């Protein structure tokens, strides 16, 4: 089970731009989730990190219904998405 956060400097991008990442992960047998999150200028830090934390919480609470193990969730990201993983991982208070 992999949650993949896309990049874009928190100012651009959307999950549809990274469909190739989901396809690569699922072709290797992973369940892949690519959450969208609000970006600047609609919101500022830390709102997009909180969006990511809510996505992780949702996956944890619901992934069993899709055949996933809530105890085995991995975060992955590209560019700003990597920073998203770091910041969501630090925001256990939010999760």
PDB file of N, CA and C in Angstrom:
ATOM      1  N   UNK A   1       0.844  -1.160   0.000  1.00  0.00           N
ATOM      2  CA  UNK A   1       0.000   0.000   0.000  1.00  0.00           C
ATOM      3  C   UNK A   1       0.895   1.229   0.000  1.00  0.00           C
ATOM      4  N   UNK A   2       0.800   2.007  -1.055  1.00  0.00           N
ATOM      5  CA  UNK A   2       1.629   3.206  -1.209  1.00  0.00           C
ATOM      6  C   UNK A   2       0.739   4.420  -1.421  1.00  0.00           C
ATOM      7  N   UNK A   3       0.985   5.450  -0.630  1.00  0.00           N
ATOM      8  CA  UNK A   3       0.360   6.748  -0.863  1.00  0.00           C
ATOM      9  C   UNK A   3       1.416   7.606  -1.545  1.00  0.00           C
ATOM     10  N   UNK A   4       1.128   8.059  -2.757  1.00  0.00           N
ATOM     11  CA  UNK A   4       2.072   8.834  -3.553  1.00  0.00           C
ATOM     12  C   UNK A   4       1.602  10.279  -3.627  1.00  0.00           C
ATOM     13  N   UNK A   5       2.446  11.191  -3.131  1.00  0.00           N
ATOM     14  CA  UNK A   5       2.154  12.622  -3.218  1.00  0.00           C
ATOM     15  C   UNK A   5       2.931  13.219  -4.392  1.00  0.00           C
ATOM     16  N   UNK A   6       2.234  13.875  -5.284  1.00  0.00           N
ATOM     17  CA  UNK A   6       2.866  14.470  -6.456  1.00  0.00           C
ATOM     18  C   UNK A   6       3.563  15.778  -6.086  1.00  0.00           C
ATOM     19  N   UNK A   7       4.459  16.202  -6.964  1.00  0.00           N
ATOM     20  CA  UNK A   7       5.197  17.440  -6.764  1.00  0.00           C
ATOM     21  C   UNK A   7       4.529  18.617  -7.440  1.00  0.00           C
ATOM     22  N   UNK A   8       5.213  19.731  -7.399  1.00  0.00           N
ATOM     23  CA  UNK A   8       4.709  20.950  -8.016  1.00  0.00           C
ATOM     24  C   UNK A   8       4.914  22.174  -7.140  1.00  0.00           C
ATOM     25  N   UNK A   9       5.855  22.052  -6.199  1.00  0.00           N
ATOM     26  CA  UNK A   9       6.200  23.155  -5.305  1.00  0.00           C
ATOM     27  C   UNK A   9       4.984  23.672  -4.530  1.00  0.00           C
ATOM     28  N   UNK A  10       4.007  22.820  -4.322  1.00  0.00           N
ATOM     29  CA  UNK A  10       2.760  23.166  -3.624  1.00  0.00           C
ATOM     30  C   UNK A  10       2.019  24.312  -4.310  1.00  0.00           C
ATOM     31  N   UNK A  11       2.363  24.528  -5.598  1.00  0.00           N
ATOM     32  CA  UNK A  11       1.732  25.603  -6.351  1.00  0.00           C
ATOM     33  C   UNK A  11       1.098  25.119  -7.651  1.00  0.00           C
ATOM     34  N   UNK A  12       1.389  23.894  -8.036  1.00  0.00           N
ATOM     35  CA  UNK A  12       0.914  23.381  -9.319  1.00  0.00           C
ATOM     36  C   UNK A  12       0.745  21.874  -9.220  1.00  0.00           C
ATOM     37  N   UNK A  13       0.127  21.328 -10.236  1.00  0.00           N
ATOM     38  CA  UNK A  13      -0.015  19.880 -10.326  1.00  0.00           C
ATOM     39  C   UNK A  13      -1.350  19.384  -9.825  1.00  0.00           C
ATOM     40  N   UNK A  14      -1.607  18.156 -10.186  1.00  0.00           N
ATOM     41  CA  UNK A  14      -2.805  17.447  -9.718  1.00  0.00           C
ATOM     42  C   UNK A  14      -2.540  15.967  -9.877  1.00  0.00           C
ATOM     43  N   UNK A  15      -3.313  15.166  -9.168  1.00  0.00           N
ATOM     44  CA  UNK A  15      -3.030  13.731  -9.156  1.00  0.00           C
ATOM     45  C   UNK A  15      -3.084  13.107 -10.550  1.00  0.00           C
ATOM     46  N   UNK A  16      -3.924  13.629 -11.429  1.00  0.00           N
ATOM     47  CA  UNK A  16      -4.031  13.091 -12.783  1.00  0.00           C
ATOM     48  C   UNK A  16      -2.733  13.179 -13.573  1.00  0.00           C
ATOM     49  N   UNK A  17      -1.877  14.137 -13.214  1.00  0.00           N
ATOM     50  CA  UNK A  17      -0.584  14.276 -13.894  1.00  0.00           C
ATOM     51  C   UNK A  17       0.351  13.118 -13.577  1.00  0.00           C
ATOM     52  N   UNK A  18       0.054  12.369 -12.530  1.00  0.00           N
ATOM     53  CA  UNK A  18       0.927  11.284 -12.073  1.00  0.00           C
ATOM     54  C   UNK A  18       0.264   9.909 -12.183  1.00  0.00           C
ATOM     55  N   UNK A  19      -0.668   9.812 -13.097  1.00  0.00           N
ATOM     56  CA  UNK A  19      -1.315   8.514 -13.332  1.00  0.00           C
ATOM     57  C   UNK A  19      -0.271   7.440 -13.640  1.00  0.00           C
ATOM     58  N   UNK A  20       0.787   7.830 -14.338  1.00  0.00           N
ATOM     59  CA  UNK A  20       1.856   6.878 -14.679  1.00  0.00           C
ATOM     60  C   UNK A  20       2.464   6.262 -13.423  1.00  0.00           C
ATOM     61  N   UNK A  21       2.558   7.040 -12.343  1.00  0.00           N
ATOM     62  CA  UNK A  21       3.116   6.511 -11.090  1.00  0.00           C
ATOM     63  C   UNK A  21       2.184   5.463 -10.499  1.00  0.00           C
ATOM     64  N   UNK A  22       0.898   5.747 -10.513  1.00  0.00           N
ATOM     65  CA  UNK A  22      -0.079   4.772 -10.004  1.00  0.00           C
ATOM     66  C   UNK A  22      -0.043   3.499 -10.835  1.00  0.00           C
ATOM     67  N   UNK A  23       0.041   3.651 -12.147  1.00  0.00           N
ATOM     68  CA  UNK A  23       0.086   2.478 -13.016  1.00  0.00           C
ATOM     69  C   UNK A  23       1.345   1.650 -12.775  1.00  0.00           C
ATOM     70  N   UNK A  24       2.473   2.316 -12.566  1.00  0.00           N
ATOM     71  CA  UNK A  24       3.721   1.588 -12.292  1.00  0.00           C
ATOM     72  C   UNK A  24       3.620   0.828 -10.974  1.00  0.00           C
ATOM     73  N   UNK A  25       3.067   1.460  -9.948  1.00  0.00           N
ATOM     74  CA  UNK A  25       2.936   0.804  -8.646  1.00  0.00           C
ATOM     75  C   UNK A  25       1.965  -0.367  -8.699  1.00  0.00           C
ATOM     76  N   UNK A  26       0.806  -0.156  -9.333  1.00  0.00           N
ATOM     77  CA  UNK A  26      -0.173  -1.238  -9.382  1.00  0.00           C
ATOM     78  C   UNK A  26       0.305  -2.393 -10.251  1.00  0.00           C
ATOM     79  N   UNK A  27       1.116  -2.094 -11.275  1.00  0.00           N
ATOM     80  CA  UNK A  27       1.630  -3.187 -12.116  1.00  0.00           C
ATOM     81  C   UNK A  27       2.597  -4.079 -11.340  1.00  0.00           C
ATOM     82  N   UNK A  28       3.123  -3.579 -10.230  1.00  0.00           N
ATOM     83  CA  UNK A  28       4.005  -4.364  -9.371  1.00  0.00           C
ATOM     84  C   UNK A  28       3.255  -4.976  -8.184  1.00  0.00           C
ATOM     85  N   UNK A  29       1.933  -4.830  -8.173  1.00  0.00           N
ATOM     86  CA  UNK A  29       1.127  -5.469  -7.146  1.00  0.00           C
ATOM     87  C   UNK A  29       0.767  -4.607  -5.950  1.00  0.00           C
ATOM     88  N   UNK A  30       1.167  -3.353  -5.968  1.00  0.00           N
ATOM     89  CA  UNK A  30       0.826  -2.454  -4.868  1.00  0.00           C
ATOM     90  C   UNK A  30      -0.572  -1.878  -5.040  1.00  0.00           C
ATOM     91  N   UNK A  31      -1.213  -1.559  -3.946  1.00  0.00           N
ATOM     92  CA  UNK A  31      -2.384  -0.691  -3.971  1.00  0.00           C
ATOM     93  C   UNK A  31      -1.827   0.717  -3.917  1.00  0.00           C
ATOM     94  N   UNK A  32      -2.235   1.572  -4.836  1.00  0.00           N
ATOM     95  CA  UNK A  32      -1.707   2.934  -4.901  1.00  0.00           C
ATOM     96  C   UNK A  32      -2.827   3.938  -4.684  1.00  0.00           C
ATOM     97  N   UNK A  33      -2.548   4.927  -3.864  1.00  0.00           N
ATOM     98  CA  UNK A  33      -3.459   6.042  -3.628  1.00  0.00           C
ATOM     99  C   UNK A  33      -2.698   7.316  -3.950  1.00  0.00           C
ATOM    100  N   UNK A  34      -3.258   8.149  -4.810  1.00  0.00           N
ATOM    101  CA  UNK A  34      -2.668   9.433  -5.155  1.00  0.00           C
ATOM    102  C   UNK A  34      -3.649  10.534  -4.757  1.00  0.00           C
ATOM    103  N   UNK A  35      -3.528  11.038  -3.545  1.00  0.00           N
ATOM    104  CA  UNK A  35      -4.489  12.052  -3.100  1.00  0.00           C
ATOM    105  C   UNK A  35      -4.199  13.419  -3.714  1.00  0.00           C
ATOM    106  N   UNK A  36      -5.252  14.154  -3.980  1.00  0.00           N
ATOM    107  CA  UNK A  36      -5.101  15.555  -4.328  1.00  0.00           C
ATOM    108  C   UNK A  36      -5.032  16.352  -3.041  1.00  0.00           C
ATOM    109  N   UNK A  37      -4.498  17.530  -3.107  1.00  0.00           N
ATOM    110  CA  UNK A  37      -4.456  18.425  -1.959  1.00  0.00           C
ATOM    111  C   UNK A  37      -4.521  19.855  -2.490  1.00  0.00           C
ATOM    112  N   UNK A  38      -5.016  20.735  -1.650  1.00  0.00           N
ATOM    113  CA  UNK A  38      -5.123  22.131  -2.059  1.00  0.00           C
ATOM    114  C   UNK A  38      -3.720  22.727  -2.192  1.00  0.00           C
ATOM    115  N   UNK A  39      -3.590  23.688  -3.113  1.00  0.00           N
ATOM    116  CA  UNK A  39      -2.288  24.291  -3.378  1.00  0.00           C
ATOM    117  C   UNK A  39      -2.379  25.817  -3.276  1.00  0.00           C
ATOM    118  N   UNK A  40      -1.194  26.442  -3.227  1.00  0.00           N
ATOM    119  CA  UNK A  40      -1.071  27.889  -3.186  1.00  0.00           C
ATOM    120  C   UNK A  40      -1.499  28.460  -4.527  1.00  0.00           C
ATOM    121  N   UNK A  41      -2.243  29.541  -4.617  1.00  0.00           N
ATOM    122  CA  UNK A  41      -2.581  30.492  -3.567  1.00  0.00           C
ATOM    123  C   UNK A  41      -3.916  30.220  -2.869  1.00  0.00           C
ATOM    124  N   UNK A  42      -4.593  29.116  -3.233  1.00  0.00           N
ATOM    125  CA  UNK A  42      -5.856  28.815  -2.543  1.00  0.00           C
ATOM    126  C   UNK A  42      -5.636  28.704  -1.038  1.00  0.00           C
ATOM    127  N   UNK A  43      -4.541  28.063  -0.641  1.00  0.00           N
ATOM    128  CA  UNK A  43      -4.192  27.921   0.774  1.00  0.00           C
ATOM    129  C   UNK A  43      -2.690  28.141   0.932  1.00  0.00           C
ATOM    130  N   UNK A  44      -2.259  28.311   2.169  1.00  0.00           N
ATOM    131  CA  UNK A  44      -0.844  28.443   2.471  1.00  0.00           C
ATOM    132  C   UNK A  44      -0.462  27.361   3.475  1.00  0.00           C
ATOM    133  N   UNK A  45       0.842  27.229   3.688  1.00  0.00           N
ATOM    134  CA  UNK A  45       1.350  26.276   4.661  1.00  0.00           C
ATOM    135  C   UNK A  45       0.764  26.605   6.029  1.00  0.00           C
ATOM    136  N   UNK A  46       0.301  25.640   6.783  1.00  0.00           N
ATOM    137  CA  UNK A  46       0.429  24.194   6.645  1.00  0.00           C
ATOM    138  C   UNK A  46      -0.818  23.502   6.100  1.00  0.00           C
ATOM    139  N   UNK A  47      -1.722  24.252   5.459  1.00  0.00           N
ATOM    140  CA  UNK A  47      -2.999  23.660   5.028  1.00  0.00           C
ATOM    141  C   UNK A  47      -2.809  22.472   4.095  1.00  0.00           C
ATOM    142  N   UNK A  48      -1.851  22.548   3.156  1.00  0.00           N
ATOM    143  CA  UNK A  48      -1.679  21.410   2.243  1.00  0.00           C
ATOM    144  C   UNK A  48      -1.089  20.205   2.954  1.00  0.00           C
ATOM    145  N   UNK A  49      -0.296  20.429   3.993  1.00  0.00           N
ATOM    146  CA  UNK A  49       0.213  19.314   4.800  1.00  0.00           C
ATOM    147  C   UNK A  49      -0.939  18.679   5.574  1.00  0.00           C
ATOM    148  N   UNK A  50      -1.821  19.492   6.102  1.00  0.00           N
ATOM    149  CA  UNK A  50      -2.994  18.967   6.812  1.00  0.00           C
ATOM    150  C   UNK A  50      -3.875  18.163   5.865  1.00  0.00           C
ATOM    151  N   UNK A  51      -4.011  18.615   4.612  1.00  0.00           N
ATOM    152  CA  UNK A  51      -4.759  17.835   3.613  1.00  0.00           C
ATOM    153  C   UNK A  51      -4.119  16.461   3.432  1.00  0.00           C
ATOM    154  N   UNK A  52      -2.798  16.437   3.340  1.00  0.00           N
ATOM    155  CA  UNK A  52      -2.087  15.166   3.194  1.00  0.00           C
ATOM    156  C   UNK A  52      -2.273  14.270   4.401  1.00  0.00           C
ATOM    157  N   UNK A  53      -2.220  14.856   5.596  1.00  0.00           N
ATOM    158  CA  UNK A  53      -2.417  14.075   6.827  1.00  0.00           C
ATOM    159  C   UNK A  53      -3.824  13.482   6.863  1.00  0.00           C
ATOM    160  N   UNK A  54      -4.803  14.260   6.425  1.00  0.00           N
ATOM    161  CA  UNK A  54      -6.180  13.725   6.379  1.00  0.00           C
ATOM    162  C   UNK A  54      -6.279  12.573   5.374  1.00  0.00           C
ATOM    163  N   UNK A  55      -5.562  12.683   4.266  1.00  0.00           N
ATOM    164  CA  UNK A  55      -5.564  11.598   3.282  1.00  0.00           C
ATOM    165  C   UNK A  55      -4.948  10.328   3.877  1.00  0.00           C
ATOM    166  N   UNK A  56      -3.852  10.476   4.608  1.00  0.00           N
ATOM    167  CA  UNK A  56      -3.231   9.315   5.252  1.00  0.00           C
ATOM    168  C   UNK A  56      -4.189   8.698   6.267  1.00  0.00           C
ATOM    169  N   UNK A  57      -4.842   9.522   7.052  1.00  0.00           N
ATOM    170  CA  UNK A  57      -5.825   9.017   8.035  1.00  0.00           C
ATOM    171  C   UNK A  57      -6.941   8.266   7.320  1.00  0.00           C
ATOM    172  N   UNK A  58      -7.462   8.824   6.211  1.00  0.00           N
ATOM    173  CA  UNK A  58      -8.541   8.167   5.474  1.00  0.00           C
ATOM    174  C   UNK A  58      -8.074   6.805   4.964  1.00  0.00           C
ATOM    175  N   UNK A  59      -6.890   6.772   4.385  1.00  0.00           N
ATOM    176  CA  UNK A  59      -6.373   5.494   3.883  1.00  0.00           C
ATOM    177  C   UNK A  59      -6.249   4.500   5.032  1.00  0.00           C
ATOM    178  N   UNK A  60      -5.665   4.911   6.132  1.00  0.00           N
ATOM    179  CA  UNK A  60      -5.511   4.011   7.283  1.00  0.00           C
ATOM    180  C   UNK A  60      -6.860   3.456   7.725  1.00  0.00           C
ATOM    181  N   UNK A  61      -7.860   4.310   7.784  1.00  0.00           N
ATOM    182  CA  UNK A  61      -9.173   3.901   8.279  1.00  0.00           C
ATOM    183  C   UNK A  61      -9.986   3.094   7.272  1.00  0.00           C
ATOM    184  N   UNK A  62      -9.649   3.168   5.979  1.00  0.00           N
ATOM    185  CA  UNK A  62     -10.502   2.564   4.948  1.00  0.00           C
ATOM    186  C   UNK A  62      -9.829   1.543   4.038  1.00  0.00           C
ATOM    187  N   UNK A  63      -8.505   1.420   4.083  1.00  0.00           N
ATOM    188  CA  UNK A  63      -7.816   0.597   3.091  1.00  0.00           C
ATOM    189  C   UNK A  63      -8.153  -0.888   3.191  1.00  0.00           C
ATOM    190  N   UNK A  64      -8.533  -1.360   4.352  1.00  0.00           N
ATOM    191  CA  UNK A  64      -8.883  -2.784   4.491  1.00  0.00           C
ATOM    192  C   UNK A  64     -10.036  -3.158   3.565  1.00  0.00           C
ATOM    193  N   UNK A  65     -10.949  -2.222   3.324  1.00  0.00           N
ATOM    194  CA  UNK A  65     -12.086  -2.481   2.435  1.00  0.00           C
ATOM    195  C   UNK A  65     -11.640  -2.682   0.987  1.00  0.00           C
ATOM    196  N   UNK A  66     -10.415  -2.266   0.670  1.00  0.00           N
ATOM    197  CA  UNK A  66      -9.877  -2.408  -0.680  1.00  0.00           C
ATOM    198  C   UNK A  66      -8.787  -3.478  -0.747  1.00  0.00           C
ATOM    199  N   UNK A  67      -8.672  -4.268   0.309  1.00  0.00           N
ATOM    200  CA  UNK A  67      -7.704  -5.357   0.332  1.00  0.00           C
ATOM    201  C   UNK A  67      -6.335  -4.973   0.873  1.00  0.00           C
ATOM    202  N   UNK A  68      -6.213  -3.781   1.422  1.00  0.00           N
ATOM    203  CA  UNK A  68      -4.931  -3.333   1.950  1.00  0.00           C
ATOM    204  C   UNK A  68      -4.814  -3.552   3.452  1.00  0.00           C
ATOM    205  N   UNK A  69      -3.603  -3.447   3.938  1.00  0.00           N
ATOM    206  CA  UNK A  69      -3.295  -3.625   5.355  1.00  0.00           C
ATOM    207  C   UNK A  69      -2.997  -2.262   5.970  1.00  0.00           C
ATOM    208  N   UNK A  70      -3.828  -1.775   6.888  1.00  0.00           N
ATOM    209  CA  UNK A  70      -3.590  -0.453   7.469  1.00  0.00           C
ATOM    210  C   UNK A  70      -2.301  -0.370   8.283  1.00  0.00           C
ATOM    211  N   UNK A  71      -1.704  -1.493   8.585  1.00  0.00           N
ATOM    212  CA  UNK A  71      -0.434  -1.504   9.293  1.00  0.00           C
ATOM    213  C   UNK A  71       0.780  -1.433   8.378  1.00  0.00           C
ATOM    214  N   UNK A  72       0.532  -1.429   7.063  1.00  0.00           N
ATOM    215  CA  UNK A  72       1.634  -1.406   6.088  1.00  0.00           C
ATOM    216  C   UNK A  72       1.375  -0.337   5.034  1.00  0.00           C
ATOM    217  N   UNK A  73       1.431   0.897   5.452  1.00  0.00           N
ATOM    218  CA  UNK A  73       1.231   2.033   4.560  1.00  0.00           C
ATOM    219  C   UNK A  73       2.570   2.742   4.387  1.00  0.00           C
ATOM    220  N   UNK A  74       2.948   2.952   3.147  1.00  0.00           N
ATOM    221  CA  UNK A  74       4.201   3.625   2.836  1.00  0.00           C
ATOM    222  C   UNK A  74       3.906   4.926   2.105  1.00  0.00           C
ATOM    223  N   UNK A  75       4.672   5.966   2.425  1.00  0.00           N
ATOM    224  CA  UNK A  75       4.538   7.250   1.760  1.00  0.00           C
ATOM    225  C   UNK A  75       5.635   7.392   0.723  1.00  0.00           C
ATOM    226  N   UNK A  76       5.272   7.955  -0.425  1.00  0.00           N
ATOM    227  CA  UNK A  76       6.217   8.144  -1.521  1.00  0.00           C
ATOM    228  C   UNK A  76       5.855   9.459  -2.197  1.00  0.00           C
ATOM    229  N   UNK A  77       6.840  10.167  -2.685  1.00  0.00           N
ATOM    230  CA  UNK A  77       6.531  11.413  -3.359  1.00  0.00           C
ATOM    231  C   UNK A  77       7.606  11.831  -4.331  1.00  0.00           C
ATOM    232  N   UNK A  78       7.229  12.733  -5.216  1.00  0.00           N
ATOM    233  CA  UNK A  78       8.147  13.291  -6.202  1.00  0.00           C
ATOM    234  C   UNK A  78       8.293  14.784  -5.940  1.00  0.00           C
ATOM    235  N   UNK A  79       9.530  15.251  -5.854  1.00  0.00           N
ATOM    236  CA  UNK A  79       9.837  16.665  -5.710  1.00  0.00           C
ATOM    237  C   UNK A  79       9.143  17.231  -4.467  1.00  0.00           C
ATOM    238  N   UNK A  80       8.240  18.194  -4.642  1.00  0.00           N
ATOM    239  CA  UNK A  80       7.516  18.733  -3.492  1.00  0.00           C
ATOM    240  C   UNK A  80       6.712  17.659  -2.777  1.00  0.00           C
ATOM    241  N   UNK A  81       6.354  16.612  -3.479  1.00  0.00           N
ATOM    242  CA  UNK A  81       5.646  15.490  -2.858  1.00  0.00           C
ATOM    243  C   UNK A  81       6.500  14.756  -1.846  1.00  0.00           C
ATOM    244  N   UNK A  82       7.811  14.738  -2.073  1.00  0.00           N
ATOM    245  CA  UNK A  82       8.728  14.148  -1.104  1.00  0.00           C
ATOM    246  C   UNK A  82       8.721  14.972   0.175  1.00  0.00           C
ATOM    247  N   UNK A  83       8.719  16.288   0.035  1.00  0.00           N
ATOM    248  CA  UNK A  83       8.634  17.150   1.211  1.00  0.00           C
ATOM    249  C   UNK A  83       7.284  16.965   1.901  1.00  0.00           C
ATOM    250  N   UNK A  84       6.271  16.725   1.107  1.00  0.00           N
ATOM    251  CA  UNK A  84       4.943  16.453   1.653  1.00  0.00           C
ATOM    252  C   UNK A  84       5.002  15.215   2.555  1.00  0.00           C
ATOM    253  N   UNK A  85       5.674  14.169   2.085  1.00  0.00           N
ATOM    254  CA  UNK A  85       5.824  12.949   2.891  1.00  0.00           C
ATOM    255  C   UNK A  85       6.523  13.261   4.207  1.00  0.00           C
ATOM    256  N   UNK A  86       7.594  14.029   4.136  1.00  0.00           N
ATOM    257  CA  UNK A  86       8.338  14.392   5.347  1.00  0.00           C
ATOM    258  C   UNK A  86       7.440  15.150   6.324  1.00  0.00           C
ATOM    259  N   UNK A  87       6.733  16.137   5.830  1.00  0.00           N
ATOM    260  CA  UNK A  87       5.918  16.973   6.714  1.00  0.00           C
ATOM    261  C   UNK A  87       4.706  16.232   7.253  1.00  0.00           C
ATOM    262  N   UNK A  88       4.086  15.395   6.434  1.00  0.00           N
ATOM    263  CA  UNK A  88       2.961  14.583   6.932  1.00  0.00           C
ATOM    264  C   UNK A  88       3.471  13.613   7.980  1.00  0.00           C
ATOM    265  N   UNK A  89       4.637  13.032   7.750  1.00  0.00           N
ATOM    266  CA  UNK A  89       5.203  12.113   8.733  1.00  0.00           C
ATOM    267  C   UNK A  89       5.498  12.770  10.067  1.00  0.00           C
ATOM    268  N   UNK A  90       5.765  14.048  10.047  1.00  0.00           N
ATOM    269  CA  UNK A  90       6.028  14.790  11.286  1.00  0.00           C
ATOM    270  C   UNK A  90       4.752  15.279  11.958  1.00  0.00           C
ATOM    271  N   UNK A  91       3.637  15.207  11.266  1.00  0.00           N
ATOM    272  CA  UNK A  91       2.398  15.793  11.782  1.00  0.00           C
ATOM    273  C   UNK A  91       1.495  14.754  12.433  1.00  0.00           C
ATOM    274  N   UNK A  92       2.071  13.893  13.244  1.00  0.00           N
ATOM    275  CA  UNK A  92       1.276  12.846  13.880  1.00  0.00           C
ATOM    276  C   UNK A  92       0.146  13.427  14.714  1.00  0.00           C
ATOM    277  N   UNK A  93       0.301  14.639  15.193  1.00  0.00           N
ATOM    278  CA  UNK A  93      -0.755  15.291  15.938  1.00  0.00           C
ATOM    279  C   UNK A  93      -2.003  15.460  15.065  1.00  0.00           C
ATOM    280  N   UNK A  94      -1.799  15.759  13.780  1.00  0.00           N
ATOM    281  CA  UNK A  94      -2.897  15.948  12.844  1.00  0.00           C
ATOM    282  C   UNK A  94      -3.523  14.616  12.459  1.00  0.00           C
ATOM    283  N   UNK A  95      -2.670  13.603  12.299  1.00  0.00           N
ATOM    284  CA  UNK A  95      -3.162  12.299  11.870  1.00  0.00           C
ATOM    285  C   UNK A  95      -3.867  11.644  13.021  1.00  0.00           C
TER     286      UNK A  95
END
